[in-house]
Amino acid sequence: MKQLVWRWVFFVVGIMSMSLGISMTIIGQRFGVGPWDVLHVGLFRHLGLSIGTWAILTGLVIVLVTIIGTKKLPQLGTWLNILFLGSFIDMFNWLLPDVTSFLGQLICFIFGIVVTAIGVGVYVSPNVGAGPRDSLMLLIMKKKGWSIKKVRTGIEVIAGLAGWALGGPVGLGTVLIAVLLGQLVHYTLPMAQKLLFKICGYSLPFTNKSAENQK
């Protein structure tokens, strides 16, 4: 029971941290945001609602597609990932102050990438459910036989271009997030794994490489 409780604590804290990091990059959006966040911001600017709401809605659409493709329901953590991520993004977008200066936005953007990577590492470490975008990636890999790199890059390019067409903020930072996030998670994930193991003795049953893209 102790192990299960701590796994869910890590999951929720990780999702919250990842959401905070995403909101920080949105504050520094003059440099661009992550490919999926380009889409969420673009939908927000074009159709209203909120950025977090669009993160939830796109996640639900992706899960529906993967359910049709796999004929299997995802784990509970996948559903909670969708709900918590969008809700926390909206919460932090409301709580965090507006930053207008170049230096302030740059600092927010850089720290946002780091905080996002920490959040991803922490939330992946208990292994309670893959993110919806990961589920879609795995489905396409299974159907087409393409590599992880090819599928993930293709999905993110499509999401980024769709968001850009809707007025989402694309910039050098968008490329940096796409390139650097997985590299940073390569370090944050084992750190979170070690901490979780130290607290309750749980160790992740798969490797770093299979979990680098769990946003």
Protein backbone atom coordinates (compact mmCIF):
# COMPACT_ATOMS: atom_id res chain seq x y z
CA MET A 1 0.00 0.00 0.00
CA LYS A 2 2.81 2.41 0.89
CA GLN A 3 4.45 1.77 -2.47
CA LEU A 4 1.20 2.40 -4.36
CA VAL A 5 0.54 5.65 -2.49
CA TRP A 6 4.02 6.98 -3.21
CA ARG A 7 3.76 6.02 -6.88
CA TRP A 8 0.60 8.11 -7.21
CA VAL A 9 2.17 10.97 -5.24
CA PHE A 10 5.07 11.02 -7.71
CA PHE A 11 2.64 10.88 -10.62
CA VAL A 12 0.57 13.86 -9.43
CA VAL A 13 3.58 15.94 -8.35
CA GLY A 14 5.27 15.19 -11.68
CA ILE A 15 2.23 16.23 -13.72
CA MET A 16 1.94 19.40 -11.65
CA SER A 17 5.62 20.22 -12.19
CA MET A 18 5.37 19.52 -15.91
CA SER A 19 2.33 21.82 -16.12
CA LEU A 20 4.22 24.57 -14.29
CA GLY A 21 7.10 24.24 -16.74
CA ILE A 22 4.74 24.45 -19.72
CA SER A 23 3.10 27.56 -18.27
CA MET A 24 6.53 29.13 -17.78
CA THR A 25 7.41 28.53 -21.43
CA ILE A 26 4.06 30.07 -22.40
CA ILE A 27 5.04 33.19 -20.43
CA GLY A 28 8.23 33.28 -22.52
CA GLN A 29 6.42 32.48 -25.75
CA ARG A 30 8.21 35.16 -27.76
CA PHE A 31 10.84 32.43 -28.12
CA GLY A 32 8.22 29.82 -29.05
CA VAL A 33 6.65 26.96 -27.10
CA GLY A 34 6.66 23.18 -27.47
CA PRO A 35 5.05 21.76 -30.64
CA TRP A 36 1.89 20.53 -28.91
CA ASP A 37 1.61 23.75 -26.93
CA VAL A 38 1.81 25.68 -30.21
CA LEU A 39 -1.37 23.83 -31.18
CA HIS A 40 -3.06 24.45 -27.83
CA VAL A 41 -2.22 28.16 -27.84
CA GLY A 42 -3.27 28.45 -31.48
CA LEU A 43 -6.64 26.84 -30.77
CA PHE A 44 -7.07 29.14 -27.77
CA ARG A 45 -6.34 32.25 -29.85
CA HIS A 46 -8.54 31.13 -32.74
CA LEU A 47 -11.49 29.51 -30.97
CA GLY A 48 -11.44 30.69 -27.36
CA LEU A 49 -11.88 28.43 -24.29
CA SER A 50 -8.51 28.08 -22.48
CA ILE A 51 -5.10 26.60 -23.24
CA GLY A 52 -5.58 23.91 -20.61
CA THR A 53 -9.03 23.05 -21.96
CA TRP A 54 -7.58 22.52 -25.42
CA ALA A 55 -4.83 20.34 -23.94
CA ILE A 56 -7.57 18.20 -22.38
CA LEU A 57 -9.68 18.08 -25.56
CA THR A 58 -6.79 17.18 -27.86
CA GLY A 59 -5.71 14.53 -25.36
CA LEU A 60 -9.20 13.02 -25.38
CA VAL A 61 -9.29 12.96 -29.19
CA ILE A 62 -5.92 11.22 -29.27
CA VAL A 63 -7.03 8.65 -26.70
CA LEU A 64 -10.20 7.99 -28.71
CA VAL A 65 -8.09 7.36 -31.82
CA THR A 66 -5.80 4.97 -29.95
CA ILE A 67 -8.78 3.11 -28.43
CA ILE A 68 -10.20 2.60 -31.93
CA GLY A 69 -6.79 1.53 -33.22
CA THR A 70 -5.87 -0.83 -30.38
CA LYS A 71 -9.37 -1.83 -29.22
CA LYS A 72 -8.09 -1.47 -25.66
CA LEU A 73 -8.83 1.02 -22.91
CA PRO A 74 -5.78 2.90 -21.57
CA GLN A 75 -4.62 2.79 -17.96
CA LEU A 76 -6.18 5.06 -15.35
CA GLY A 77 -3.01 7.17 -15.33
CA THR A 78 -3.56 8.10 -18.97
CA TRP A 79 -7.00 9.56 -18.24
CA LEU A 80 -5.71 11.38 -15.16
CA ASN A 81 -2.76 12.66 -17.19
CA ILE A 82 -5.17 14.37 -19.59
CA LEU A 83 -7.35 15.88 -16.86
CA PHE A 84 -4.58 16.97 -14.50
CA LEU A 85 -2.27 18.38 -17.17
CA GLY A 86 -4.87 20.71 -18.67
CA SER A 87 -6.26 21.74 -15.28
CA PHE A 88 -2.83 22.51 -13.82
CA ILE A 89 -1.79 24.45 -16.94
CA ASP A 90 -4.83 26.70 -16.57
CA MET A 91 -4.18 27.07 -12.83
CA PHE A 92 -0.57 28.15 -13.35
CA ASN A 93 -1.47 30.40 -16.28
CA TRP A 94 -3.80 32.18 -13.86
CA LEU A 95 -1.38 32.25 -10.91
CA LEU A 96 1.85 33.23 -12.65
CA PRO A 97 2.40 36.94 -13.32
CA ASP A 98 2.70 38.41 -16.81
CA VAL A 99 6.29 39.06 -17.85
CA THR A 100 6.89 41.49 -20.70
CA SER A 101 10.64 42.18 -20.67
CA PHE A 102 12.96 40.28 -22.98
CA LEU A 103 15.22 39.09 -20.15
CA GLY A 104 12.29 38.09 -17.95
CA GLN A 105 10.69 36.02 -20.69
CA LEU A 106 14.03 34.41 -21.54
CA ILE A 107 14.53 33.37 -17.91
CA CYS A 108 10.98 32.01 -17.71
CA PHE A 109 11.45 30.10 -20.95
CA ILE A 110 14.76 28.50 -19.91
CA PHE A 111 13.56 27.55 -16.45
CA GLY A 112 10.30 26.33 -17.99
CA ILE A 113 12.16 23.74 -20.08
CA VAL A 114 14.10 22.53 -17.03
CA VAL A 115 11.00 22.35 -14.80
CA THR A 116 9.10 20.50 -17.55
CA ALA A 117 11.91 17.94 -17.82
CA ILE A 118 11.92 17.44 -14.06
CA GLY A 119 8.15 16.98 -14.11
CA VAL A 120 8.30 14.44 -16.92
CA GLY A 121 10.97 12.43 -15.09
CA VAL A 122 9.00 12.43 -11.84
CA TYR A 123 5.64 11.52 -13.39
CA VAL A 124 7.05 8.76 -15.60
CA SER A 125 9.02 7.11 -12.77
CA PRO A 126 6.04 5.35 -11.08
CA ASN A 127 4.81 3.89 -14.41
CA VAL A 128 1.06 4.29 -13.84
CA GLY A 129 0.10 5.18 -17.43
CA ALA A 130 1.58 6.65 -20.60
CA GLY A 131 0.59 10.09 -21.85
CA PRO A 132 -2.00 10.14 -24.67
CA ARG A 133 0.53 11.38 -27.23
CA ASP A 134 2.83 8.49 -26.39
CA SER A 135 -0.05 6.07 -26.90
CA LEU A 136 -0.66 7.52 -30.37
CA MET A 137 3.05 7.26 -31.17
CA LEU A 138 3.12 3.59 -30.16
CA LEU A 139 -0.01 2.86 -32.21
CA ILE A 140 1.49 4.38 -35.38
CA MET A 141 4.76 2.52 -34.79
CA LYS A 142 2.86 -0.76 -34.51
CA LYS A 143 0.72 -0.11 -37.61
CA LYS A 144 3.45 1.29 -39.86
CA GLY A 145 6.62 -0.25 -38.46
CA TRP A 146 8.35 3.14 -38.34
CA SER A 147 10.98 4.16 -35.78
CA ILE A 148 10.21 6.09 -32.59
CA LYS A 149 12.25 9.05 -33.82
CA LYS A 150 10.45 9.18 -37.18
CA VAL A 151 6.97 8.86 -35.69
CA ARG A 152 7.50 11.32 -32.84
CA THR A 153 9.10 13.90 -35.12
CA GLY A 154 6.29 13.55 -37.65
CA ILE A 155 3.56 13.92 -35.03
CA GLU A 156 5.17 16.98 -33.45
CA VAL A 157 5.80 18.63 -36.82
CA ILE A 158 2.13 18.16 -37.77
CA ALA A 159 0.96 19.48 -34.38
CA GLY A 160 3.34 22.45 -34.59
CA LEU A 161 2.33 23.36 -38.15
CA ALA A 162 -1.38 23.10 -37.30
CA GLY A 163 -0.84 25.36 -34.29
CA TRP A 164 1.23 27.82 -36.31
CA ALA A 165 -1.56 28.01 -38.92
CA LEU A 166 -3.92 28.93 -36.07
CA GLY A 167 -1.60 31.65 -34.78
CA GLY A 168 0.35 29.66 -32.19
CA PRO A 169 3.81 30.94 -31.14
CA VAL A 170 6.51 29.13 -33.14
CA GLY A 171 10.13 30.14 -32.69
CA LEU A 172 13.65 28.89 -32.09
CA GLY A 173 12.46 27.79 -28.66
CA THR A 174 10.03 25.36 -30.28
CA VAL A 175 12.97 23.56 -31.86
CA LEU A 176 14.98 23.74 -28.63
CA ILE A 177 12.16 22.13 -26.66
CA ALA A 178 11.74 19.38 -29.23
CA VAL A 179 15.49 18.67 -29.18
CA LEU A 180 16.43 19.27 -25.54
CA LEU A 181 13.49 17.93 -23.56
CA GLY A 182 14.22 14.27 -24.20
CA GLN A 183 17.91 14.83 -23.44
CA LEU A 184 17.08 16.43 -20.09
CA VAL A 185 14.60 13.68 -19.20
CA HIS A 186 17.46 11.24 -19.81
CA TYR A 187 18.90 12.63 -16.56
CA THR A 188 15.78 13.58 -14.58
CA LEU A 189 14.11 10.19 -14.97
CA PRO A 190 16.85 8.10 -13.31
CA MET A 191 17.10 10.69 -10.53
CA ALA A 192 13.36 10.34 -9.88
CA GLN A 193 13.64 6.56 -10.10
CA LYS A 194 16.37 6.51 -7.46
CA LEU A 195 14.38 8.77 -5.16
CA LEU A 196 11.23 6.66 -5.54
CA PHE A 197 13.21 3.48 -4.89
CA LYS A 198 14.82 5.04 -1.82
CA ILE A 199 11.41 6.05 -0.42
CA CYS A 200 9.37 2.92 -1.08
CA GLY A 201 11.50 0.37 -2.93
CA TYR A 202 9.73 0.68 -6.32
CA SER A 203 11.86 0.51 -9.47
CA LEU A 204 10.71 1.23 -13.02
CA PRO A 205 10.44 -1.95 -15.15
CA PHE A 206 11.61 -0.30 -18.38
CA THR A 207 14.56 1.77 -19.55
CA ASN A 208 15.25 5.45 -20.02
CA LYS A 209 14.99 5.34 -23.79
CA SER A 210 11.49 3.96 -23.74
CA ALA A 211 10.33 6.76 -21.48
CA GLU A 212 12.05 9.86 -22.79
CA ASN A 213 9.00 10.96 -24.76
CA GLN A 214 6.30 10.54 -22.11
CA LYS A 215 4.89 14.12 -22.27
